[in-house]
Amino acid sequence: MSPKQIRIVPVRLAVGAVAACFVIVAVALLVNVQLALVLFGLLALGGAVARIVMPVEKAFAVRRRAVDVAMLAVLAAVLLFLAFTTPLG
């Protein structure tokens, strides 16, 4: 394979993740901060699941898979905890 044929992360996935972040920030500004925290938590949880199922050669990784999954899972848990326990408007 030539270097141009190797895709680490599909462009659609990367653009979709960035677009999802912008949409969630808009939800926080226009609708509700708690809903945005839940959505960010679910996005982090989805990232952990994606890191588990993505083949090693397709993932851009500088750490071990277990470290990435653990950190994303902890981030998701903290965001969801804050979303459900903090009285935000």
PDB file of N, CA and C in Angstrom:
ATOM      1  N   MET A   1       0.830  -1.191   0.000  1.00  0.00           N
ATOM      2  CA  MET A   1       0.000   0.000   0.000  1.00  0.00           C
ATOM      3  C   MET A   1       0.870   1.248   0.000  1.00  0.00           C
ATOM      4  N   SER A   2       0.483   2.191  -0.774  1.00  0.00           N
ATOM      5  CA  SER A   2       1.199   3.455  -0.767  1.00  0.00           C
ATOM      6  C   SER A   2       0.701   4.304   0.397  1.00  0.00           C
ATOM      7  N   PRO A   3       1.480   5.284   0.812  1.00  0.00           N
ATOM      8  CA  PRO A   3       1.064   6.129   1.944  1.00  0.00           C
ATOM      9  C   PRO A   3      -0.270   6.834   1.732  1.00  0.00           C
ATOM     10  N   LYS A   4      -0.618   7.124   0.483  1.00  0.00           N
ATOM     11  CA  LYS A   4      -1.896   7.801   0.237  1.00  0.00           C
ATOM     12  C   LYS A   4      -3.088   6.873   0.441  1.00  0.00           C
ATOM     13  N   GLN A   5      -2.891   5.567   0.348  1.00  0.00           N
ATOM     14  CA  GLN A   5      -3.992   4.624   0.481  1.00  0.00           C
ATOM     15  C   GLN A   5      -4.284   4.263   1.927  1.00  0.00           C
ATOM     16  N   ILE A   6      -3.344   4.501   2.824  1.00  0.00           N
ATOM     17  CA  ILE A   6      -3.536   4.145   4.227  1.00  0.00           C
ATOM     18  C   ILE A   6      -4.338   5.244   4.914  1.00  0.00           C
ATOM     19  N   ARG A   7      -5.467   4.872   5.464  1.00  0.00           N
ATOM     20  CA  ARG A   7      -6.298   5.801   6.224  1.00  0.00           C
ATOM     21  C   ARG A   7      -6.330   5.334   7.669  1.00  0.00           C
ATOM     22  N   ILE A   8      -5.850   6.154   8.566  1.00  0.00           N
ATOM     23  CA  ILE A   8      -5.852   5.765   9.974  1.00  0.00           C
ATOM     24  C   ILE A   8      -7.270   5.854  10.522  1.00  0.00           C
ATOM     25  N   VAL A   9      -7.864   7.011  10.440  1.00  0.00           N
ATOM     26  CA  VAL A   9      -9.246   7.208  10.867  1.00  0.00           C
ATOM     27  C   VAL A   9     -10.011   7.727   9.659  1.00  0.00           C
ATOM     28  N   PRO A  10     -11.148   7.115   9.349  1.00  0.00           N
ATOM     29  CA  PRO A  10     -11.914   7.621   8.211  1.00  0.00           C
ATOM     30  C   PRO A  10     -12.278   9.096   8.393  1.00  0.00           C
ATOM     31  N   VAL A  11     -12.174   9.831   7.313  1.00  0.00           N
ATOM     32  CA  VAL A  11     -12.437  11.273   7.359  1.00  0.00           C
ATOM     33  C   VAL A  11     -13.874  11.544   7.799  1.00  0.00           C
ATOM     34  N   ARG A  12     -14.792  10.736   7.354  1.00  0.00           N
ATOM     35  CA  ARG A  12     -16.204  10.943   7.742  1.00  0.00           C
ATOM     36  C   ARG A  12     -16.386  10.825   9.247  1.00  0.00           C
ATOM     37  N   LEU A  13     -15.698   9.877   9.857  1.00  0.00           N
ATOM     38  CA  LEU A  13     -15.806   9.697  11.307  1.00  0.00           C
ATOM     39  C   LEU A  13     -15.234  10.896  12.048  1.00  0.00           C
ATOM     40  N   ALA A  14     -14.092  11.392  11.605  1.00  0.00           N
ATOM     41  CA  ALA A  14     -13.468  12.544  12.252  1.00  0.00           C
ATOM     42  C   ALA A  14     -14.327  13.796  12.107  1.00  0.00           C
ATOM     43  N   VAL A  15     -14.829  14.041  10.911  1.00  0.00           N
ATOM     44  CA  VAL A  15     -15.687  15.209  10.676  1.00  0.00           C
ATOM     45  C   VAL A  15     -16.992  15.059  11.454  1.00  0.00           C
ATOM     46  N   GLY A  16     -17.515  13.860  11.514  1.00  0.00           N
ATOM     47  CA  GLY A  16     -18.748  13.621  12.273  1.00  0.00           C
ATOM     48  C   GLY A  16     -18.576  13.884  13.753  1.00  0.00           C
ATOM     49  N   ALA A  17     -17.430  13.502  14.310  1.00  0.00           N
ATOM     50  CA  ALA A  17     -17.176  13.739  15.736  1.00  0.00           C
ATOM     51  C   ALA A  17     -17.061  15.235  16.032  1.00  0.00           C
ATOM     52  N   VAL A  18     -16.380  15.960  15.169  1.00  0.00           N
ATOM     53  CA  VAL A  18     -16.256  17.411  15.360  1.00  0.00           C
ATOM     54  C   VAL A  18     -17.618  18.078  15.202  1.00  0.00           C
ATOM     55  N   ALA A  19     -18.380  17.662  14.212  1.00  0.00           N
ATOM     56  CA  ALA A  19     -19.728  18.223  14.017  1.00  0.00           C
ATOM     57  C   ALA A  19     -20.621  17.917  15.213  1.00  0.00           C
ATOM     58  N   ALA A  20     -20.511  16.716  15.766  1.00  0.00           N
ATOM     59  CA  ALA A  20     -21.310  16.357  16.943  1.00  0.00           C
ATOM     60  C   ALA A  20     -20.962  17.255  18.119  1.00  0.00           C
ATOM     61  N   CYS A  21     -19.695  17.569  18.293  1.00  0.00           N
ATOM     62  CA  CYS A  21     -19.290  18.474  19.380  1.00  0.00           C
ATOM     63  C   CYS A  21     -19.895  19.863  19.200  1.00  0.00           C
ATOM     64  N   PHE A  22     -19.884  20.372  17.976  1.00  0.00           N
ATOM     65  CA  PHE A  22     -20.490  21.684  17.727  1.00  0.00           C
ATOM     66  C   PHE A  22     -21.998  21.660  17.982  1.00  0.00           C
ATOM     67  N   VAL A  23     -22.651  20.600  17.582  1.00  0.00           N
ATOM     68  CA  VAL A  23     -24.094  20.479  17.816  1.00  0.00           C
ATOM     69  C   VAL A  23     -24.383  20.418  19.316  1.00  0.00           C
ATOM     70  N   ILE A  24     -23.569  19.685  20.063  1.00  0.00           N
ATOM     71  CA  ILE A  24     -23.799  19.573  21.505  1.00  0.00           C
ATOM     72  C   ILE A  24     -23.564  20.919  22.198  1.00  0.00           C
ATOM     73  N   VAL A  25     -22.572  21.668  21.756  1.00  0.00           N
ATOM     74  CA  VAL A  25     -22.360  23.004  22.329  1.00  0.00           C
ATOM     75  C   VAL A  25     -23.556  23.898  22.014  1.00  0.00           C
ATOM     76  N   ALA A  26     -24.096  23.793  20.811  1.00  0.00           N
ATOM     77  CA  ALA A  26     -25.299  24.565  20.467  1.00  0.00           C
ATOM     78  C   ALA A  26     -26.477  24.161  21.341  1.00  0.00           C
ATOM     79  N   VAL A  27     -26.607  22.866  21.624  1.00  0.00           N
ATOM     80  CA  VAL A  27     -27.670  22.397  22.520  1.00  0.00           C
ATOM     81  C   VAL A  27     -27.484  23.010  23.906  1.00  0.00           C
ATOM     82  N   ALA A  28     -26.249  23.069  24.382  1.00  0.00           N
ATOM     83  CA  ALA A  28     -25.987  23.662  25.700  1.00  0.00           C
ATOM     84  C   ALA A  28     -26.383  25.133  25.732  1.00  0.00           C
ATOM     85  N   LEU A  29     -26.101  25.843  24.650  1.00  0.00           N
ATOM     86  CA  LEU A  29     -26.413  27.269  24.611  1.00  0.00           C
ATOM     87  C   LEU A  29     -27.903  27.543  24.412  1.00  0.00           C
ATOM     88  N   LEU A  30     -28.557  26.727  23.610  1.00  0.00           N
ATOM     89  CA  LEU A  30     -29.930  27.018  23.225  1.00  0.00           C
ATOM     90  C   LEU A  30     -30.993  26.246  24.010  1.00  0.00           C
ATOM     91  N   VAL A  31     -30.651  25.057  24.489  1.00  0.00           N
ATOM     92  CA  VAL A  31     -31.673  24.224  25.118  1.00  0.00           C
ATOM     93  C   VAL A  31     -31.399  24.049  26.601  1.00  0.00           C
ATOM     94  N   ASN A  32     -30.399  23.220  26.941  1.00  0.00           N
ATOM     95  CA  ASN A  32     -30.192  22.867  28.331  1.00  0.00           C
ATOM     96  C   ASN A  32     -28.765  22.350  28.506  1.00  0.00           C
ATOM     97  N   VAL A  33     -28.093  22.804  29.549  1.00  0.00           N
ATOM     98  CA  VAL A  33     -26.723  22.383  29.815  1.00  0.00           C
ATOM     99  C   VAL A  33     -26.684  20.925  30.255  1.00  0.00           C
ATOM    100  N   GLN A  34     -27.673  20.497  31.054  1.00  0.00           N
ATOM    101  CA  GLN A  34     -27.687  19.107  31.505  1.00  0.00           C
ATOM    102  C   GLN A  34     -27.826  18.139  30.332  1.00  0.00           C
ATOM    103  N   LEU A  35     -28.660  18.468  29.381  1.00  0.00           N
ATOM    104  CA  LEU A  35     -28.794  17.626  28.196  1.00  0.00           C
ATOM    105  C   LEU A  35     -27.479  17.561  27.436  1.00  0.00           C
ATOM    106  N   ALA A  36     -26.786  18.678  27.339  1.00  0.00           N
ATOM    107  CA  ALA A  36     -25.497  18.696  26.646  1.00  0.00           C
ATOM    108  C   ALA A  36     -24.470  17.830  27.373  1.00  0.00           C
ATOM    109  N   LEU A  37     -24.479  17.867  28.709  1.00  0.00           N
ATOM    110  CA  LEU A  37     -23.567  17.009  29.462  1.00  0.00           C
ATOM    111  C   LEU A  37     -23.870  15.530  29.227  1.00  0.00           C
ATOM    112  N   VAL A  38     -25.139  15.186  29.189  1.00  0.00           N
ATOM    113  CA  VAL A  38     -25.513  13.796  28.893  1.00  0.00           C
ATOM    114  C   VAL A  38     -25.030  13.410  27.505  1.00  0.00           C
ATOM    115  N   LEU A  39     -25.218  14.286  26.541  1.00  0.00           N
ATOM    116  CA  LEU A  39     -24.787  13.986  25.175  1.00  0.00           C
ATOM    117  C   LEU A  39     -23.267  13.854  25.077  1.00  0.00           C
ATOM    118  N   PHE A  40     -22.522  14.721  25.768  1.00  0.00           N
ATOM    119  CA  PHE A  40     -21.058  14.603  25.773  1.00  0.00           C
ATOM    120  C   PHE A  40     -20.627  13.306  26.458  1.00  0.00           C
ATOM    121  N   GLY A  41     -21.321  12.934  27.526  1.00  0.00           N
ATOM    122  CA  GLY A  41     -21.016  11.664  28.195  1.00  0.00           C
ATOM    123  C   GLY A  41     -21.258  10.473  27.290  1.00  0.00           C
ATOM    124  N   LEU A  42     -22.359  10.511  26.560  1.00  0.00           N
ATOM    125  CA  LEU A  42     -22.653   9.423  25.624  1.00  0.00           C
ATOM    126  C   LEU A  42     -21.661   9.404  24.464  1.00  0.00           C
ATOM    127  N   LEU A  43     -21.213  10.580  24.036  1.00  0.00           N
ATOM    128  CA  LEU A  43     -20.205  10.657  22.980  1.00  0.00           C
ATOM    129  C   LEU A  43     -18.880  10.049  23.458  1.00  0.00           C
ATOM    130  N   ALA A  44     -18.498  10.323  24.705  1.00  0.00           N
ATOM    131  CA  ALA A  44     -17.278   9.733  25.262  1.00  0.00           C
ATOM    132  C   ALA A  44     -17.418   8.218  25.398  1.00  0.00           C
ATOM    133  N   LEU A  45     -18.600   7.775  25.814  1.00  0.00           N
ATOM    134  CA  LEU A  45     -18.852   6.333  25.907  1.00  0.00           C
ATOM    135  C   LEU A  45     -18.789   5.686  24.526  1.00  0.00           C
ATOM    136  N   GLY A  46     -19.326   6.361  23.535  1.00  0.00           N
ATOM    137  CA  GLY A  46     -19.228   5.862  22.160  1.00  0.00           C
ATOM    138  C   GLY A  46     -17.788   5.805  21.684  1.00  0.00           C
ATOM    139  N   GLY A  47     -16.973   6.774  22.102  1.00  0.00           N
ATOM    140  CA  GLY A  47     -15.555   6.749  21.757  1.00  0.00           C
ATOM    141  C   GLY A  47     -14.849   5.563  22.384  1.00  0.00           C
ATOM    142  N   ALA A  48     -15.219   5.221  23.608  1.00  0.00           N
ATOM    143  CA  ALA A  48     -14.625   4.055  24.265  1.00  0.00           C
ATOM    144  C   ALA A  48     -14.998   2.774  23.527  1.00  0.00           C
ATOM    145  N   VAL A  49     -16.256   2.667  23.148  1.00  0.00           N
ATOM    146  CA  VAL A  49     -16.696   1.481  22.405  1.00  0.00           C
ATOM    147  C   VAL A  49     -16.006   1.413  21.047  1.00  0.00           C
ATOM    148  N   ALA A  50     -15.890   2.558  20.388  1.00  0.00           N
ATOM    149  CA  ALA A  50     -15.206   2.588  19.088  1.00  0.00           C
ATOM    150  C   ALA A  50     -13.750   2.177  19.230  1.00  0.00           C
ATOM    151  N   ARG A  51     -13.108   2.596  20.302  1.00  0.00           N
ATOM    152  CA  ARG A  51     -11.703   2.230  20.523  1.00  0.00           C
ATOM    153  C   ARG A  51     -11.557   0.738  20.775  1.00  0.00           C
ATOM    154  N   ILE A  52     -12.571   0.128  21.400  1.00  0.00           N
ATOM    155  CA  ILE A  52     -12.528  -1.315  21.636  1.00  0.00           C
ATOM    156  C   ILE A  52     -12.650  -2.080  20.324  1.00  0.00           C
ATOM    157  N   VAL A  53     -13.583  -1.694  19.474  1.00  0.00           N
ATOM    158  CA  VAL A  53     -13.880  -2.494  18.279  1.00  0.00           C
ATOM    159  C   VAL A  53     -13.032  -2.129  17.067  1.00  0.00           C
ATOM    160  N   MET A  54     -12.360  -0.976  17.089  1.00  0.00           N
ATOM    161  CA  MET A  54     -11.569  -0.565  15.931  1.00  0.00           C
ATOM    162  C   MET A  54     -10.305  -1.418  15.828  1.00  0.00           C
ATOM    163  N   PRO A  55     -10.001  -1.908  14.628  1.00  0.00           N
ATOM    164  CA  PRO A  55      -8.766  -2.682  14.457  1.00  0.00           C
ATOM    165  C   PRO A  55      -7.538  -1.835  14.798  1.00  0.00           C
ATOM    166  N   VAL A  56      -6.517  -2.490  15.297  1.00  0.00           N
ATOM    167  CA  VAL A  56      -5.313  -1.791  15.762  1.00  0.00           C
ATOM    168  C   VAL A  56      -4.666  -0.984  14.641  1.00  0.00           C
ATOM    169  N   GLU A  57      -4.641  -1.519  13.444  1.00  0.00           N
ATOM    170  CA  GLU A  57      -3.978  -0.815  12.344  1.00  0.00           C
ATOM    171  C   GLU A  57      -4.757   0.398  11.853  1.00  0.00           C
ATOM    172  N   LYS A  58      -6.030   0.524  12.210  1.00  0.00           N
ATOM    173  CA  LYS A  58      -6.844   1.679  11.802  1.00  0.00           C
ATOM    174  C   LYS A  58      -6.859   2.785  12.859  1.00  0.00           C
ATOM    175  N   ALA A  59      -6.438   2.476  14.060  1.00  0.00           N
ATOM    176  CA  ALA A  59      -6.538   3.435  15.158  1.00  0.00           C
ATOM    177  C   ALA A  59      -5.283   4.288  15.240  1.00  0.00           C
ATOM    178  N   PHE A  60      -5.482   5.581  15.447  1.00  0.00           N
ATOM    179  CA  PHE A  60      -4.361   6.472  15.740  1.00  0.00           C
ATOM    180  C   PHE A  60      -4.169   6.418  17.242  1.00  0.00           C
ATOM    181  N   ALA A  61      -3.130   5.750  17.685  1.00  0.00           N
ATOM    182  CA  ALA A  61      -2.962   5.537  19.114  1.00  0.00           C
ATOM    183  C   ALA A  61      -1.514   5.744  19.521  1.00  0.00           C
ATOM    184  N   VAL A  62      -1.331   6.424  20.616  1.00  0.00           N
ATOM    185  CA  VAL A  62      -0.010   6.565  21.211  1.00  0.00           C
ATOM    186  C   VAL A  62       0.038   5.872  22.568  1.00  0.00           C
ATOM    187  N   ARG A  63      -1.117   5.408  23.036  1.00  0.00           N
ATOM    188  CA  ARG A  63      -1.207   4.665  24.286  1.00  0.00           C
ATOM    189  C   ARG A  63      -1.802   3.293  23.997  1.00  0.00           C
ATOM    190  N   ARG A  64      -1.805   2.462  25.009  1.00  0.00           N
ATOM    191  CA  ARG A  64      -2.433   1.145  24.866  1.00  0.00           C
ATOM    192  C   ARG A  64      -3.943   1.315  24.821  1.00  0.00           C
ATOM    193  N   ARG A  65      -4.598   0.364  24.216  1.00  0.00           N
ATOM    194  CA  ARG A  65      -6.059   0.392  24.072  1.00  0.00           C
ATOM    195  C   ARG A  65      -6.745   0.453  25.429  1.00  0.00           C
ATOM    196  N   ALA A  66      -6.246  -0.320  26.394  1.00  0.00           N
ATOM    197  CA  ALA A  66      -6.876  -0.358  27.717  1.00  0.00           C
ATOM    198  C   ALA A  66      -6.852   1.017  28.387  1.00  0.00           C
ATOM    199  N   VAL A  67      -5.773   1.756  28.207  1.00  0.00           N
ATOM    200  CA  VAL A  67      -5.668   3.089  28.807  1.00  0.00           C
ATOM    201  C   VAL A  67      -6.687   4.027  28.157  1.00  0.00           C
ATOM    202  N   ASP A  68      -6.777   3.990  26.830  1.00  0.00           N
ATOM    203  CA  ASP A  68      -7.742   4.842  26.131  1.00  0.00           C
ATOM    204  C   ASP A  68      -9.168   4.533  26.556  1.00  0.00           C
ATOM    205  N   VAL A  69      -9.513   3.258  26.588  1.00  0.00           N
ATOM    206  CA  VAL A  69     -10.877   2.865  26.953  1.00  0.00           C
ATOM    207  C   VAL A  69     -11.183   3.259  28.393  1.00  0.00           C
ATOM    208  N   ALA A  70     -10.239   3.030  29.296  1.00  0.00           N
ATOM    209  CA  ALA A  70     -10.460   3.385  30.700  1.00  0.00           C
ATOM    210  C   ALA A  70     -10.653   4.889  30.873  1.00  0.00           C
ATOM    211  N   MET A  71      -9.825   5.686  30.216  1.00  0.00           N
ATOM    212  CA  MET A  71      -9.941   7.140  30.352  1.00  0.00           C
ATOM    213  C   MET A  71     -11.250   7.657  29.760  1.00  0.00           C
ATOM    214  N   LEU A  72     -11.648   7.128  28.620  1.00  0.00           N
ATOM    215  CA  LEU A  72     -12.919   7.554  28.024  1.00  0.00           C
ATOM    216  C   LEU A  72     -14.105   7.118  28.885  1.00  0.00           C
ATOM    217  N   ALA A  73     -14.020   5.936  29.465  1.00  0.00           N
ATOM    218  CA  ALA A  73     -15.106   5.459  30.326  1.00  0.00           C
ATOM    219  C   ALA A  73     -15.209   6.308  31.592  1.00  0.00           C
ATOM    220  N   VAL A  74     -14.065   6.668  32.178  1.00  0.00           N
ATOM    221  CA  VAL A  74     -14.077   7.529  33.368  1.00  0.00           C
ATOM    222  C   VAL A  74     -14.627   8.912  33.011  1.00  0.00           C
ATOM    223  N   LEU A  75     -14.204   9.453  31.883  1.00  0.00           N
ATOM    224  CA  LEU A  75     -14.725  10.747  31.438  1.00  0.00           C
ATOM    225  C   LEU A  75     -16.239  10.686  31.250  1.00  0.00           C
ATOM    226  N   ALA A  76     -16.726   9.631  30.627  1.00  0.00           N
ATOM    227  CA  ALA A  76     -18.170   9.470  30.426  1.00  0.00           C
ATOM    228  C   ALA A  76     -18.893   9.375  31.761  1.00  0.00           C
ATOM    229  N   ALA A  77     -18.334   8.611  32.694  1.00  0.00           N
ATOM    230  CA  ALA A  77     -18.970   8.458  34.004  1.00  0.00           C
ATOM    231  C   ALA A  77     -19.030   9.784  34.751  1.00  0.00           C
ATOM    232  N   VAL A  78     -17.953  10.550  34.704  1.00  0.00           N
ATOM    233  CA  VAL A  78     -17.926  11.852  35.393  1.00  0.00           C
ATOM    234  C   VAL A  78     -18.923  12.816  34.763  1.00  0.00           C
ATOM    235  N   LEU A  79     -18.949  12.877  33.441  1.00  0.00           N
ATOM    236  CA  LEU A  79     -19.897  13.776  32.773  1.00  0.00           C
ATOM    237  C   LEU A  79     -21.341  13.390  33.071  1.00  0.00           C
ATOM    238  N   LEU A  80     -21.642  12.105  33.044  1.00  0.00           N
ATOM    239  CA  LEU A  80     -23.010  11.665  33.342  1.00  0.00           C
ATOM    240  C   LEU A  80     -23.360  11.905  34.812  1.00  0.00           C
ATOM    241  N   PHE A  81     -22.400  11.691  35.692  1.00  0.00           N
ATOM    242  CA  PHE A  81     -22.634  11.975  37.116  1.00  0.00           C
ATOM    243  C   PHE A  81     -22.947  13.451  37.316  1.00  0.00           C
ATOM    244  N   LEU A  82     -22.146  14.328  36.706  1.00  0.00           N
ATOM    245  CA  LEU A  82     -22.401  15.758  36.824  1.00  0.00           C
ATOM    246  C   LEU A  82     -23.741  16.158  36.209  1.00  0.00           C
ATOM    247  N   ALA A  83     -24.081  15.534  35.102  1.00  0.00           N
ATOM    248  CA  ALA A  83     -25.340  15.874  34.437  1.00  0.00           C
ATOM    249  C   ALA A  83     -26.552  15.561  35.319  1.00  0.00           C
ATOM    250  N   PHE A  84     -26.457  14.467  36.065  1.00  0.00           N
ATOM    251  CA  PHE A  84     -27.625  14.044  36.849  1.00  0.00           C
ATOM    252  C   PHE A  84     -27.620  14.537  38.292  1.00  0.00           C
ATOM    253  N   THR A  85     -26.502  15.108  38.757  1.00  0.00           N
ATOM    254  CA  THR A  85     -26.452  15.539  40.154  1.00  0.00           C
ATOM    255  C   THR A  85     -26.291  17.052  40.316  1.00  0.00           C
ATOM    256  N   THR A  86     -25.921  17.765  39.291  1.00  0.00           N
ATOM    257  CA  THR A  86     -25.705  19.200  39.391  1.00  0.00           C
ATOM    258  C   THR A  86     -26.946  19.949  38.924  1.00  0.00           C
ATOM    259  N   PRO A  87     -27.460  20.867  39.743  1.00  0.00           N
ATOM    260  CA  PRO A  87     -28.653  21.614  39.326  1.00  0.00           C
ATOM    261  C   PRO A  87     -28.302  22.752  38.350  1.00  0.00           C
ATOM    262  N   LEU A  88     -28.182  22.398  37.105  1.00  0.00           N
ATOM    263  CA  LEU A  88     -27.904  23.388  36.061  1.00  0.00           C
ATOM    264  C   LEU A  88     -29.193  23.700  35.304  1.00  0.00           C
ATOM    265  N   GLY A  89     -29.267  24.877  34.739  1.00  0.00           N
ATOM    266  CA  GLY A  89     -30.490  25.259  34.032  1.00  0.00           C
ATOM    267  C   GLY A  89     -30.389  25.079  32.626  1.00  0.00           C
TER     268      GLY A  89
END
